[in-house]
Amino acid sequence: MEYPNNLTPAEYHELLAGSAIHPALIESSFFHIEGETIYDYLFISDKIPRKNAGRVTDAYIRQYQHLLLGGTWIQSLDPFNNWQAMEWGRIKPN
């Protein structure tokens, strides 16, 4: 079986059976991400400490390094903009 948005079987099972989330909502709002892609999702704020060239500081990257192993990204939807996807969300580490 192929799961939506690269979700692992365990992630999908937890969402569907463990949390009773409707499959259509899972498909629209939950994504498996891992590796450095996680930084693209997390480090979007201009309030995050950065070096002169714009790169996030090493200390800040180390603080979130455990997330490189992957997790479930929960996409936020904007109730004031016809429930369109927002730039921010949450991650639940594996």
N, C-alpha and C. Protein backbone atom coordinates (compact mmCIF):
# COMPACT_ATOMS: atom_id res chain seq x y z
N MET A 1 0.84 -1.18 0.00
CA MET A 1 0.00 0.00 0.00
C MET A 1 0.88 1.24 0.00
N GLU A 2 0.49 2.23 -0.78
CA GLU A 2 1.21 3.50 -0.82
C GLU A 2 0.46 4.52 0.03
N TYR A 3 1.20 5.21 0.88
CA TYR A 3 0.59 6.17 1.79
C TYR A 3 0.78 7.59 1.24
N PRO A 4 -0.17 8.48 1.52
CA PRO A 4 -0.06 9.84 0.97
C PRO A 4 1.10 10.63 1.58
N ASN A 5 1.65 11.52 0.80
CA ASN A 5 2.64 12.50 1.26
C ASN A 5 3.86 11.87 1.93
N ASN A 6 4.27 10.72 1.43
CA ASN A 6 5.44 10.00 1.94
C ASN A 6 5.32 9.59 3.40
N LEU A 7 4.11 9.55 3.94
CA LEU A 7 3.93 9.11 5.31
C LEU A 7 4.37 7.65 5.43
N THR A 8 5.00 7.34 6.55
CA THR A 8 5.39 5.96 6.79
C THR A 8 4.14 5.18 7.21
N PRO A 9 4.16 3.85 7.10
CA PRO A 9 3.01 3.07 7.57
C PRO A 9 2.66 3.35 9.03
N ALA A 10 3.68 3.50 9.88
CA ALA A 10 3.43 3.77 11.31
C ALA A 10 2.78 5.14 11.50
N GLU A 11 3.26 6.15 10.78
CA GLU A 11 2.67 7.49 10.90
C GLU A 11 1.21 7.48 10.44
N TYR A 12 0.97 6.84 9.30
CA TYR A 12 -0.39 6.80 8.76
C TYR A 12 -1.33 6.05 9.71
N HIS A 13 -0.87 4.93 10.22
CA HIS A 13 -1.69 4.14 11.14
C HIS A 13 -2.02 4.95 12.40
N GLU A 14 -1.04 5.66 12.92
CA GLU A 14 -1.29 6.47 14.12
C GLU A 14 -2.34 7.54 13.84
N LEU A 15 -2.24 8.19 12.69
CA LEU A 15 -3.20 9.24 12.36
C LEU A 15 -4.60 8.69 12.12
N LEU A 16 -4.67 7.60 11.35
CA LEU A 16 -5.98 7.04 10.98
C LEU A 16 -6.61 6.25 12.12
N ALA A 17 -5.91 5.29 12.66
CA ALA A 17 -6.49 4.41 13.68
C ALA A 17 -6.31 4.98 15.09
N GLY A 18 -5.13 5.47 15.39
CA GLY A 18 -4.86 5.96 16.74
C GLY A 18 -5.53 7.28 17.06
N SER A 19 -5.65 8.16 16.07
CA SER A 19 -6.22 9.48 16.32
C SER A 19 -7.56 9.69 15.63
N ALA A 20 -7.99 8.72 14.84
CA ALA A 20 -9.29 8.77 14.15
C ALA A 20 -9.43 10.02 13.26
N ILE A 21 -8.37 10.33 12.53
CA ILE A 21 -8.40 11.46 11.61
C ILE A 21 -8.87 10.95 10.25
N HIS A 22 -9.77 11.68 9.63
CA HIS A 22 -10.33 11.28 8.33
C HIS A 22 -9.23 11.22 7.27
N PRO A 23 -9.26 10.22 6.40
CA PRO A 23 -8.22 10.09 5.38
C PRO A 23 -8.04 11.33 4.50
N ALA A 24 -9.12 12.04 4.19
CA ALA A 24 -9.00 13.25 3.37
C ALA A 24 -8.23 14.34 4.10
N LEU A 25 -8.41 14.44 5.40
CA LEU A 25 -7.67 15.43 6.19
C LEU A 25 -6.21 15.03 6.31
N ILE A 26 -5.95 13.74 6.46
CA ILE A 26 -4.56 13.25 6.50
C ILE A 26 -3.86 13.61 5.20
N GLU A 27 -4.53 13.38 4.09
CA GLU A 27 -3.93 13.64 2.78
C GLU A 27 -3.66 15.12 2.54
N SER A 28 -4.49 15.99 3.11
CA SER A 28 -4.31 17.42 2.86
C SER A 28 -3.39 18.11 3.86
N SER A 29 -3.16 17.50 5.02
CA SER A 29 -2.48 18.25 6.08
C SER A 29 -1.27 17.58 6.71
N PHE A 30 -1.00 16.32 6.43
CA PHE A 30 0.09 15.60 7.11
C PHE A 30 1.10 15.09 6.09
N PHE A 31 2.39 15.35 6.36
CA PHE A 31 3.46 15.01 5.44
C PHE A 31 4.63 14.43 6.23
N HIS A 32 5.30 13.45 5.65
CA HIS A 32 6.54 12.95 6.25
C HIS A 32 7.69 13.73 5.65
N ILE A 33 8.52 14.31 6.52
CA ILE A 33 9.73 15.00 6.06
C ILE A 33 10.91 14.49 6.88
N GLU A 34 12.07 14.53 6.27
CA GLU A 34 13.29 14.09 6.97
C GLU A 34 14.48 14.75 6.31
N GLY A 35 15.62 14.60 6.96
CA GLY A 35 16.86 15.18 6.44
C GLY A 35 16.82 16.70 6.51
N GLU A 36 17.67 17.33 5.73
CA GLU A 36 17.79 18.78 5.78
C GLU A 36 16.55 19.51 5.25
N THR A 37 15.65 18.80 4.61
CA THR A 37 14.38 19.38 4.18
C THR A 37 13.64 19.98 5.37
N ILE A 38 13.83 19.39 6.54
CA ILE A 38 13.17 19.88 7.75
C ILE A 38 13.52 21.34 8.00
N TYR A 39 14.77 21.71 7.74
CA TYR A 39 15.18 23.09 7.97
C TYR A 39 14.40 24.06 7.07
N ASP A 40 14.04 23.64 5.86
CA ASP A 40 13.26 24.49 4.97
C ASP A 40 11.89 24.80 5.57
N TYR A 41 11.37 23.89 6.35
CA TYR A 41 10.07 24.09 6.98
C TYR A 41 10.19 24.89 8.28
N LEU A 42 11.25 24.63 9.05
CA LEU A 42 11.37 25.22 10.38
C LEU A 42 11.97 26.62 10.42
N PHE A 43 12.93 26.88 9.57
CA PHE A 43 13.70 28.12 9.69
C PHE A 43 13.19 29.20 8.74
N ILE A 44 11.90 29.51 8.82
CA ILE A 44 11.31 30.49 7.91
C ILE A 44 11.24 31.90 8.50
N SER A 45 11.36 32.01 9.81
CA SER A 45 11.21 33.31 10.47
C SER A 45 12.47 34.15 10.34
N ASP A 46 12.28 35.45 10.22
CA ASP A 46 13.43 36.35 10.21
C ASP A 46 13.91 36.65 11.62
N LYS A 47 13.26 36.09 12.62
CA LYS A 47 13.65 36.26 14.02
C LYS A 47 14.68 35.22 14.46
N ILE A 48 14.94 34.21 13.63
CA ILE A 48 15.90 33.17 13.94
C ILE A 48 17.31 33.73 13.76
N PRO A 49 18.22 33.48 14.73
CA PRO A 49 19.58 34.01 14.62
C PRO A 49 20.31 33.46 13.39
N ARG A 50 20.93 34.37 12.67
CA ARG A 50 21.62 34.00 11.42
C ARG A 50 23.00 34.64 11.37
N LYS A 51 23.84 34.03 10.53
CA LYS A 51 25.18 34.57 10.28
C LYS A 51 25.04 35.69 9.23
N ASN A 52 26.15 36.36 8.95
CA ASN A 52 26.12 37.48 8.00
C ASN A 52 25.58 37.08 6.63
N ALA A 53 25.87 35.87 6.18
CA ALA A 53 25.42 35.44 4.86
C ALA A 53 23.97 34.96 4.86
N GLY A 54 23.32 34.98 6.02
CA GLY A 54 21.92 34.58 6.09
C GLY A 54 21.69 33.17 6.58
N ARG A 55 22.77 32.40 6.73
CA ARG A 55 22.64 31.01 7.21
C ARG A 55 22.32 31.00 8.69
N VAL A 56 21.45 30.08 9.11
CA VAL A 56 21.11 29.92 10.52
C VAL A 56 22.37 29.55 11.28
N THR A 57 22.51 30.06 12.49
CA THR A 57 23.71 29.81 13.28
C THR A 57 23.87 28.32 13.60
N ASP A 58 25.12 27.89 13.78
CA ASP A 58 25.42 26.49 14.08
C ASP A 58 24.74 26.03 15.37
N ALA A 59 24.74 26.89 16.38
CA ALA A 59 24.12 26.52 17.65
C ALA A 59 22.62 26.26 17.47
N TYR A 60 21.98 27.05 16.66
CA TYR A 60 20.54 26.88 16.42
C TYR A 60 20.28 25.59 15.64
N ILE A 61 21.14 25.31 14.66
CA ILE A 61 21.00 24.07 13.88
C ILE A 61 21.20 22.86 14.80
N ARG A 62 22.19 22.90 15.67
CA ARG A 62 22.43 21.78 16.60
C ARG A 62 21.22 21.53 17.50
N GLN A 63 20.56 22.60 17.88
CA GLN A 63 19.38 22.48 18.76
C GLN A 63 18.27 21.65 18.11
N TYR A 64 18.19 21.69 16.79
CA TYR A 64 17.13 20.97 16.08
C TYR A 64 17.64 19.79 15.27
N GLN A 65 18.90 19.41 15.46
CA GLN A 65 19.53 18.35 14.68
C GLN A 65 18.82 17.01 14.83
N HIS A 66 18.23 16.75 15.98
CA HIS A 66 17.53 15.48 16.19
C HIS A 66 16.37 15.29 15.21
N LEU A 67 15.86 16.38 14.66
CA LEU A 67 14.74 16.29 13.73
C LEU A 67 15.14 15.77 12.35
N LEU A 68 16.45 15.72 12.07
CA LEU A 68 16.91 15.20 10.78
C LEU A 68 16.46 13.76 10.56
N LEU A 69 16.18 13.04 11.65
CA LEU A 69 15.73 11.65 11.54
C LEU A 69 14.31 11.55 10.99
N GLY A 70 13.60 12.65 10.96
CA GLY A 70 12.29 12.67 10.33
C GLY A 70 11.15 12.81 11.31
N GLY A 71 10.00 13.09 10.72
CA GLY A 71 8.81 13.24 11.52
C GLY A 71 7.63 13.59 10.64
N THR A 72 6.52 13.83 11.28
CA THR A 72 5.29 14.19 10.59
C THR A 72 5.11 15.69 10.66
N TRP A 73 5.03 16.33 9.49
CA TRP A 73 4.77 17.76 9.41
C TRP A 73 3.26 17.95 9.31
N ILE A 74 2.71 18.79 10.18
CA ILE A 74 1.30 19.09 10.17
C ILE A 74 1.14 20.49 9.61
N GLN A 75 0.56 20.56 8.42
CA GLN A 75 0.40 21.82 7.70
C GLN A 75 -0.72 22.63 8.34
N SER A 76 -0.47 23.90 8.61
CA SER A 76 -1.49 24.78 9.14
C SER A 76 -2.34 25.32 8.02
N LEU A 77 -3.62 25.48 8.31
CA LEU A 77 -4.57 26.03 7.35
C LEU A 77 -5.12 27.33 7.91
N ASP A 78 -5.29 28.31 7.05
CA ASP A 78 -5.69 29.65 7.47
C ASP A 78 -7.21 29.81 7.41
N PRO A 79 -7.88 29.89 8.56
CA PRO A 79 -9.34 30.02 8.56
C PRO A 79 -9.81 31.37 8.03
N PHE A 80 -8.91 32.36 7.98
CA PHE A 80 -9.28 33.68 7.48
C PHE A 80 -9.00 33.83 5.99
N ASN A 81 -8.45 32.78 5.36
CA ASN A 81 -8.14 32.83 3.93
C ASN A 81 -8.65 31.56 3.25
N ASN A 82 -9.91 31.24 3.46
CA ASN A 82 -10.56 30.10 2.81
C ASN A 82 -9.81 28.79 3.05
N TRP A 83 -9.23 28.65 4.23
CA TRP A 83 -8.54 27.43 4.65
C TRP A 83 -7.38 27.06 3.72
N GLN A 84 -6.72 28.06 3.17
CA GLN A 84 -5.54 27.82 2.35
C GLN A 84 -4.36 27.46 3.25
N ALA A 85 -3.40 26.71 2.68
CA ALA A 85 -2.21 26.32 3.45
C ALA A 85 -1.42 27.55 3.84
N MET A 86 -0.96 27.54 5.09
CA MET A 86 -0.11 28.62 5.59
C MET A 86 1.35 28.18 5.50
N GLU A 87 2.24 29.14 5.65
CA GLU A 87 3.67 28.85 5.55
C GLU A 87 4.17 28.07 6.77
N TRP A 88 3.53 28.22 7.90
CA TRP A 88 4.02 27.57 9.11
C TRP A 88 3.15 26.37 9.47
N GLY A 89 3.70 25.55 10.36
CA GLY A 89 3.00 24.37 10.82
C GLY A 89 3.71 23.81 12.04
N ARG A 90 3.56 22.52 12.26
CA ARG A 90 4.21 21.85 13.41
C ARG A 90 4.85 20.57 12.93
N ILE A 91 5.82 20.11 13.69
CA ILE A 91 6.43 18.82 13.37
C ILE A 91 6.36 17.93 14.62
N LYS A 92 6.00 16.70 14.38
CA LYS A 92 6.01 15.68 15.43
C LYS A 92 7.14 14.73 15.08
N PRO A 93 8.23 14.76 15.86
CA PRO A 93 9.38 13.89 15.56
C PRO A 93 9.01 12.41 15.66
N ASN A 94 9.68 11.59 14.87
CA ASN A 94 9.49 10.15 14.96
C ASN A 94 10.15 9.61 16.20
